[in-house]
Amino acid sequence: MSEDIFSQFFNLFNNDESNVNWELAKQINNHITKDEESIPFELSNNEINYEQIFRVIELKSEELRTNGLKPIEITFLTPKEYGQWFIESIKHFNFENIESPELSLFGGIGGNNMKSSIFGMQFGNLAGLLGKFSWGLSQFGLILPQSATLGINQKNFNAKITSFEANENDLTLGLFAIEYTTLCLGNYSQPFENIMNTLTKSSEEMIENLKDLNFDMNPEAINNPNDMFANISEVEGIDPSKIFENIAAPLSFYRSVIKQKSKDLGILQDESIFDLLMDLSFSSYESPTKDIETKISELDNYSDNFLNYLIDSKSTFSIEDILGNSDLIPTIDELYDPINWATRTSMPPI
């Protein structure tokens, strides 16, 4: 190798990207998913035409399309590739609007470079988590990613589809529709701002932990770059599941929106397929996301009922209004009792 480990380490953190160190995010994602391999399709019906299913959804979803980028093709990805696809799909977000005095003032290892690197660490961990453990964006209600390609995490897609005793064509159509719908909603940036605000707080906590770390910058002491990433990934405050923990209510609401809009496509006679696919209680594996999945799952019925309340009460705010305004997103107490939300949102600003 032309560069020693120290030079690689320095160059990875010393970057010109003022907002997010995307190269660092990519490398951390690659490290987390390095042992994951894609597996062959296990569906019993080898005649399933995935491209045709995608085109059916594309045709039926005309009303969902906004001014944002819409997927025009579908591709199956390995866990590592899926994490990389996620990273690419969120680059359109305006990260300059995310302010944090603590991050801006932190100059212990390079000021702005360190700030962008911290965000790079966070997104790398988040991408790795999605690639390794999730079936897709809809699992956590991640509304923001935009891509001309609908990325499907092949390994976890297989595990998801084969875990149910139902028609494989319907399950595939349902899961594709859910993921397609999520991407079509990527034009709304407000949902992701909730995640970014939480991520910023966890980054500030992480800074305090990084200050206590003793980085050995002697190139002779850094024998394996994987050790560096392993140590970084274990720093308290960078755990991506923590990003979701404090926003379980909004994520549950976003998931209900995704599910309802998928049903509105009218592509399945049995709409309960969507409920089945989105039910997090059916997860049969242990992963770092299990606790947050449980918290979100406990709110799902309340989120579904909240959407019903919007219709039954003839609310002046539509789902689109709520997605476009973070002040309208229901809190956990308002999911329990939508009347509290109606009271709050009907009051004039102070």
Protein backbone atom coordinates (compact mmCIF):
# COMPACT_ATOMS: atom_id res chain seq x y z
CA MET A 1 0.00 0.00 0.00
CA SER A 2 1.33 3.45 -0.87
CA GLU A 3 0.08 5.05 2.33
CA ASP A 4 0.75 3.94 5.87
CA ILE A 5 -2.14 3.37 8.25
CA PHE A 6 -1.61 6.74 9.93
CA SER A 7 -1.96 8.56 6.61
CA GLN A 8 -5.13 6.64 5.77
CA PHE A 9 -6.56 7.44 9.19
CA PHE A 10 -5.68 11.13 8.85
CA ASN A 11 -7.03 11.43 5.31
CA LEU A 12 -10.27 9.75 6.28
CA PHE A 13 -10.94 12.37 8.94
CA ASN A 14 -9.28 15.33 7.22
CA ASN A 15 -11.78 16.02 4.45
CA ASP A 16 -13.17 18.99 2.56
CA GLU A 17 -16.81 18.02 3.10
CA SER A 18 -18.10 20.68 5.48
CA ASN A 19 -21.36 18.99 6.48
CA VAL A 20 -20.96 15.20 6.42
CA ASN A 21 -17.88 13.06 5.89
CA TRP A 22 -19.52 10.68 3.42
CA GLU A 23 -16.36 8.68 2.81
CA LEU A 24 -16.11 7.90 6.51
CA ALA A 25 -19.80 6.92 6.54
CA LYS A 26 -19.19 4.56 3.64
CA GLN A 27 -16.16 2.93 5.27
CA ILE A 28 -17.97 2.36 8.57
CA ASN A 29 -20.95 0.86 6.73
CA ASN A 30 -18.57 -1.44 4.86
CA HIS A 31 -16.97 -2.51 8.12
CA ILE A 32 -20.27 -3.30 9.82
CA THR A 33 -21.57 -5.33 6.86
CA LYS A 34 -18.27 -6.96 5.87
CA ASP A 35 -19.31 -10.43 7.05
CA GLU A 36 -22.75 -10.30 5.45
CA GLU A 37 -23.28 -12.23 2.26
CA SER A 38 -26.21 -12.17 -0.11
CA ILE A 39 -28.10 -15.44 -0.48
CA PRO A 40 -29.93 -16.82 -3.51
CA PHE A 41 -33.65 -16.29 -3.85
CA GLU A 42 -35.55 -18.94 -1.92
CA LEU A 43 -39.04 -18.28 -3.22
CA SER A 44 -40.73 -21.47 -4.40
CA ASN A 45 -42.17 -19.72 -7.45
CA ASN A 46 -39.24 -19.14 -9.76
CA GLU A 47 -41.54 -17.54 -12.28
CA ILE A 48 -42.08 -14.38 -10.23
CA ASN A 49 -41.29 -11.44 -12.48
CA TYR A 50 -39.94 -8.77 -10.16
CA GLU A 51 -39.58 -6.21 -12.93
CA GLN A 52 -43.22 -6.68 -13.91
CA ILE A 53 -44.35 -6.31 -10.30
CA PHE A 54 -42.37 -3.09 -10.05
CA ARG A 55 -44.01 -1.71 -13.21
CA VAL A 56 -47.48 -2.49 -11.84
CA ILE A 57 -46.70 -0.48 -8.72
CA GLU A 58 -45.19 2.33 -10.77
CA LEU A 59 -48.34 2.56 -12.88
CA LYS A 60 -50.70 2.50 -9.90
CA SER A 61 -48.76 5.08 -7.90
CA GLU A 62 -49.17 8.08 -10.19
CA GLU A 63 -51.04 10.02 -7.49
CA LEU A 64 -48.24 9.47 -4.99
CA ARG A 65 -45.62 11.11 -7.14
CA THR A 66 -44.48 14.52 -6.03
CA ASN A 67 -41.97 16.97 -7.43
CA GLY A 68 -39.23 14.92 -5.84
CA LEU A 69 -37.19 12.18 -7.46
CA LYS A 70 -39.16 8.99 -8.08
CA PRO A 71 -37.79 5.46 -8.56
CA ILE A 72 -37.78 4.26 -12.14
CA GLU A 73 -36.04 0.92 -11.66
CA ILE A 74 -35.56 -1.79 -9.06
CA THR A 75 -32.41 -3.62 -8.02
CA PHE A 76 -31.51 -6.24 -5.42
CA LEU A 77 -28.54 -5.38 -3.22
CA THR A 78 -26.23 -7.09 -0.76
CA PRO A 79 -26.31 -5.74 2.83
CA LYS A 80 -23.18 -3.67 2.15
CA GLU A 81 -24.58 -2.32 -1.10
CA TYR A 82 -27.87 -1.51 0.60
CA GLY A 83 -26.07 0.55 3.22
CA GLN A 84 -24.20 2.38 0.48
CA TRP A 85 -27.46 2.94 -1.41
CA PHE A 86 -28.99 4.49 1.73
CA ILE A 87 -26.02 6.83 2.14
CA GLU A 88 -26.33 8.01 -1.46
CA SER A 89 -30.09 8.47 -1.11
CA ILE A 90 -29.90 10.98 1.77
CA LYS A 91 -27.22 13.29 0.34
CA HIS A 92 -29.87 15.66 -1.03
CA PHE A 93 -30.86 16.75 2.49
CA ASN A 94 -29.74 20.26 3.46
CA PHE A 95 -27.43 19.42 6.35
CA GLU A 96 -26.31 23.05 6.60
CA ASN A 97 -29.53 23.82 8.47
CA ILE A 98 -28.55 21.52 11.32
CA GLU A 99 -27.02 23.72 13.99
CA SER A 100 -25.24 22.67 17.14
CA PRO A 101 -23.02 25.03 19.16
CA GLU A 102 -21.35 22.06 20.82
CA LEU A 103 -20.44 20.47 17.51
CA SER A 104 -19.36 23.76 15.94
CA LEU A 105 -17.13 24.70 18.86
CA PHE A 106 -15.57 21.27 19.21
CA GLY A 107 -12.08 21.62 17.77
CA GLY A 108 -10.15 18.96 19.61
CA ILE A 109 -9.32 17.00 16.45
CA GLY A 110 -9.94 19.42 13.65
CA GLY A 111 -12.97 21.67 14.14
CA ASN A 112 -15.36 21.48 11.20
CA ASN A 113 -13.65 18.34 9.92
CA MET A 114 -14.42 16.64 13.22
CA LYS A 115 -18.03 17.82 13.09
CA SER A 116 -18.51 16.34 9.63
CA SER A 117 -16.70 13.18 10.68
CA ILE A 118 -19.00 12.70 13.66
CA PHE A 119 -22.01 12.89 11.36
CA GLY A 120 -20.18 10.51 9.05
CA MET A 121 -19.77 8.05 11.91
CA GLN A 122 -23.45 8.32 12.77
CA PHE A 123 -24.66 7.78 9.21
CA GLY A 124 -22.16 4.98 8.68
CA ASN A 125 -23.52 3.17 11.71
CA LEU A 126 -27.11 3.84 10.66
CA ALA A 127 -26.45 2.59 7.12
CA GLY A 128 -24.70 -0.50 8.46
CA LEU A 129 -27.60 -1.23 10.78
CA LEU A 130 -30.10 -0.95 7.92
CA GLY A 131 -27.98 -3.10 5.65
CA LYS A 132 -27.39 -5.80 8.22
CA PHE A 133 -30.72 -6.01 10.00
CA SER A 134 -33.56 -4.25 8.13
CA TRP A 135 -35.81 -5.32 5.28
CA GLY A 136 -36.10 -1.71 4.13
CA LEU A 137 -36.81 1.93 4.92
CA SER A 138 -40.39 1.21 5.95
CA GLN A 139 -39.25 -0.92 8.87
CA PHE A 140 -38.43 2.22 10.83
CA GLY A 141 -40.53 4.72 8.88
CA LEU A 142 -37.53 6.50 7.36
CA ILE A 143 -39.06 9.17 5.16
CA LEU A 144 -36.44 11.21 3.29
CA PRO A 145 -34.31 9.01 1.04
CA GLN A 146 -34.69 9.77 -2.65
CA SER A 147 -33.34 7.61 -5.44
CA ALA A 148 -34.11 6.77 -9.04
CA THR A 149 -33.50 3.16 -8.02
CA LEU A 150 -35.68 1.23 -5.59
CA GLY A 151 -33.08 -0.68 -3.60
CA ILE A 152 -34.14 -3.99 -2.08
CA ASN A 153 -32.02 -5.59 0.64
CA GLN A 154 -31.95 -9.08 -0.89
CA LYS A 155 -30.91 -11.11 2.14
CA ASN A 156 -33.45 -9.59 4.50
CA PHE A 157 -36.09 -9.48 1.75
CA ASN A 158 -35.76 -13.25 1.40
CA ALA A 159 -36.00 -13.76 5.15
CA LYS A 160 -39.05 -11.49 5.36
CA ILE A 161 -41.01 -13.07 2.50
CA THR A 162 -40.32 -16.67 3.47
CA SER A 163 -41.35 -16.13 7.10
CA PHE A 164 -45.07 -16.02 6.24
CA GLU A 165 -47.44 -18.69 4.98
CA ALA A 166 -49.06 -16.51 2.33
CA ASN A 167 -49.01 -16.10 -1.43
CA GLU A 168 -45.46 -15.16 -2.40
CA ASN A 169 -46.60 -12.96 -5.26
CA ASP A 170 -48.85 -10.96 -2.92
CA LEU A 171 -46.12 -10.67 -0.30
CA THR A 172 -43.60 -9.50 -2.89
CA LEU A 173 -46.06 -7.03 -4.39
CA GLY A 174 -46.91 -5.72 -0.93
CA LEU A 175 -43.32 -5.28 0.20
CA PHE A 176 -42.27 -3.62 -3.05
CA ALA A 177 -45.27 -1.27 -2.78
CA ILE A 178 -44.39 -0.31 0.79
CA GLU A 179 -40.79 0.49 -0.11
CA TYR A 180 -41.81 2.31 -3.30
CA THR A 181 -44.28 4.42 -1.33
CA THR A 182 -41.61 5.30 1.22
CA LEU A 183 -39.29 6.57 -1.52
CA CYS A 184 -42.11 8.57 -3.12
CA LEU A 185 -42.60 10.35 0.21
CA GLY A 186 -38.93 11.35 0.24
CA ASN A 187 -39.87 14.83 -0.96
CA TYR A 188 -40.89 15.65 2.61
CA SER A 189 -37.83 16.67 4.61
CA GLN A 190 -39.58 17.39 7.92
CA PRO A 191 -39.68 13.74 9.07
CA PHE A 192 -35.93 13.39 8.64
CA GLU A 193 -35.33 16.62 10.55
CA ASN A 194 -36.71 14.83 13.61
CA ILE A 195 -34.07 12.17 13.14
CA MET A 196 -31.35 14.76 12.55
CA ASN A 197 -32.24 16.71 15.68
CA THR A 198 -32.01 13.52 17.72
CA LEU A 199 -28.82 12.49 15.94
CA THR A 200 -27.29 15.88 16.74
CA LYS A 201 -28.04 15.44 20.43
CA SER A 202 -26.51 11.97 20.44
CA SER A 203 -23.48 13.37 18.59
CA GLU A 204 -23.01 15.94 21.34
CA GLU A 205 -23.06 13.11 23.87
CA MET A 206 -20.61 11.18 21.74
CA ILE A 207 -18.20 14.11 21.74
CA GLU A 208 -17.93 13.89 25.50
CA ASN A 209 -17.03 10.21 25.18
CA LEU A 210 -14.56 10.82 22.36
CA LYS A 211 -12.75 13.36 24.52
CA ASP A 212 -12.05 10.57 26.99
CA LEU A 213 -10.67 8.20 24.34
CA ASN A 214 -6.94 7.83 24.00
CA PHE A 215 -6.40 7.64 20.24
CA ASP A 216 -2.91 6.25 19.67
CA MET A 217 -1.85 8.23 16.61
CA ASN A 218 1.49 6.39 16.33
CA PRO A 219 1.35 4.60 12.95
CA GLU A 220 3.28 1.66 14.41
CA ALA A 221 0.54 1.18 17.00
CA ILE A 222 -2.30 1.07 14.47
CA ASN A 223 -1.88 -2.39 12.99
CA ASN A 224 -5.42 -2.97 11.80
CA PRO A 225 -7.81 -0.27 10.56
CA ASN A 226 -10.70 -2.57 11.45
CA ASP A 227 -9.78 -2.11 15.10
CA MET A 228 -10.20 1.64 14.66
CA PHE A 229 -13.71 1.23 13.26
CA ALA A 230 -14.62 -1.32 15.92
CA ASN A 231 -13.59 1.08 18.67
CA ILE A 232 -15.45 3.97 17.05
CA SER A 233 -18.60 1.87 16.66
CA GLU A 234 -18.58 0.99 20.34
CA VAL A 235 -18.48 4.58 21.57
CA GLU A 236 -21.56 5.35 23.65
CA GLY A 237 -23.73 7.87 21.83
CA ILE A 238 -23.09 6.49 18.37
CA ASP A 239 -25.50 3.54 18.76
CA PRO A 240 -27.92 4.05 15.85
CA SER A 241 -30.77 2.37 17.71
CA LYS A 242 -30.57 5.26 20.20
CA ILE A 243 -31.33 7.64 17.33
CA PHE A 244 -34.75 6.02 17.01
CA GLU A 245 -35.48 5.56 20.71
CA ASN A 246 -36.56 9.14 21.47
CA ILE A 247 -38.66 9.49 18.32
CA ALA A 248 -40.60 6.23 18.44
CA ALA A 249 -43.91 8.10 18.23
CA PRO A 250 -43.12 10.03 15.01
CA LEU A 251 -41.61 6.92 13.42
CA SER A 252 -44.71 4.92 14.24
CA PHE A 253 -46.84 7.68 12.71
CA TYR A 254 -44.71 7.70 9.54
CA ARG A 255 -45.05 3.93 9.28
CA SER A 256 -48.83 4.18 9.48
CA VAL A 257 -48.78 6.82 6.74
CA ILE A 258 -46.65 4.55 4.54
CA LYS A 259 -48.98 1.61 5.16
CA GLN A 260 -52.14 3.62 4.46
CA LYS A 261 -50.79 5.15 1.26
CA SER A 262 -49.68 1.69 0.13
CA LYS A 263 -53.21 0.43 0.68
CA ASP A 264 -54.55 3.40 -1.27
CA LEU A 265 -52.78 2.06 -4.36
CA GLY A 266 -55.45 -0.64 -4.57
CA ILE A 267 -53.03 -3.28 -5.85
CA LEU A 268 -53.98 -6.04 -3.39
CA GLN A 269 -57.45 -7.43 -2.81
CA ASP A 270 -56.40 -8.53 0.65
CA GLU A 271 -55.11 -5.33 2.27
CA SER A 272 -54.26 -7.22 5.45
CA ILE A 273 -51.05 -8.25 3.64
CA PHE A 274 -49.78 -4.73 4.30
CA ASP A 275 -50.63 -5.04 8.00
CA LEU A 276 -48.82 -8.38 8.10
CA LEU A 277 -45.69 -7.05 6.43
CA MET A 278 -45.53 -3.94 8.62
CA ASP A 279 -46.14 -5.80 11.89
CA LEU A 280 -42.83 -5.58 13.76
CA SER A 281 -43.95 -8.13 16.34
CA PHE A 282 -43.33 -10.86 13.75
CA SER A 283 -39.57 -10.29 13.81
CA SER A 284 -38.15 -13.66 14.79
CA TYR A 285 -34.50 -12.67 15.05
CA GLU A 286 -32.44 -10.93 17.68
CA SER A 287 -30.76 -7.72 16.64
CA PRO A 288 -29.69 -4.37 18.12
CA THR A 289 -32.95 -2.93 16.77
CA LYS A 290 -35.22 -5.30 18.68
CA ASP A 291 -35.94 -2.94 21.58
CA ILE A 292 -36.86 0.02 19.39
CA GLU A 293 -38.93 -2.23 17.14
CA THR A 294 -40.89 -3.27 20.22
CA LYS A 295 -41.44 0.36 21.24
CA ILE A 296 -42.61 1.34 17.77
CA SER A 297 -44.81 -1.75 17.52
CA GLU A 298 -46.57 -0.86 20.76
CA LEU A 299 -47.64 2.44 19.17
CA ASP A 300 -48.74 1.12 15.79
CA ASN A 301 -52.42 0.69 16.66
CA TYR A 302 -52.51 4.19 18.12
CA SER A 303 -50.93 5.60 14.95
CA ASP A 304 -53.46 3.78 12.77
CA ASN A 305 -56.28 5.12 14.92
CA PHE A 306 -54.81 8.61 14.67
CA LEU A 307 -55.11 8.49 10.88
CA ASN A 308 -58.69 7.28 11.24
CA TYR A 309 -59.35 10.23 13.55
CA LEU A 310 -58.13 12.66 10.88
CA ILE A 311 -60.72 11.27 8.48
CA ASP A 312 -63.59 10.85 10.93
CA SER A 313 -63.14 14.32 12.44
CA LYS A 314 -62.73 15.94 9.01
CA SER A 315 -59.55 17.57 10.25
CA THR A 316 -58.46 20.74 8.49
CA PHE A 317 -54.97 19.22 8.27
CA SER A 318 -54.28 16.48 5.76
CA ILE A 319 -51.61 13.81 6.03
CA GLU A 320 -49.53 15.85 3.58
CA ASP A 321 -49.88 18.93 5.79
CA ILE A 322 -48.58 16.99 8.77
CA LEU A 323 -45.66 15.50 6.84
CA GLY A 324 -44.66 18.97 5.71
CA ASN A 325 -44.69 20.62 9.14
CA SER A 326 -42.76 19.24 12.10
CA ASP A 327 -44.98 21.23 14.48
CA LEU A 328 -47.94 19.11 13.38
CA ILE A 329 -46.30 15.75 14.03
CA PRO A 330 -48.16 14.08 16.91
CA THR A 331 -46.36 13.37 20.16
CA ILE A 332 -46.74 10.07 21.95
CA ASP A 333 -49.44 11.53 24.24
CA GLU A 334 -51.29 12.84 21.19
CA LEU A 335 -51.21 9.42 19.57
CA TYR A 336 -52.87 8.07 22.70
CA ASP A 337 -55.48 10.84 22.58
CA PRO A 338 -55.81 12.61 19.20
CA ILE A 339 -58.12 15.21 20.75
CA ASN A 340 -55.06 16.63 22.51
CA TRP A 341 -53.41 17.00 19.11
CA ALA A 342 -56.51 18.69 17.68
CA THR A 343 -56.57 21.11 20.60
CA ARG A 344 -52.89 21.98 20.27
CA THR A 345 -52.90 22.45 16.51
CA SER A 346 -56.08 24.51 16.51
CA MET A 347 -54.71 27.06 18.97
CA PRO A 348 -53.22 30.25 17.50
CA PRO A 349 -49.44 30.59 17.90
CA ILE A 350 -48.27 32.52 20.95
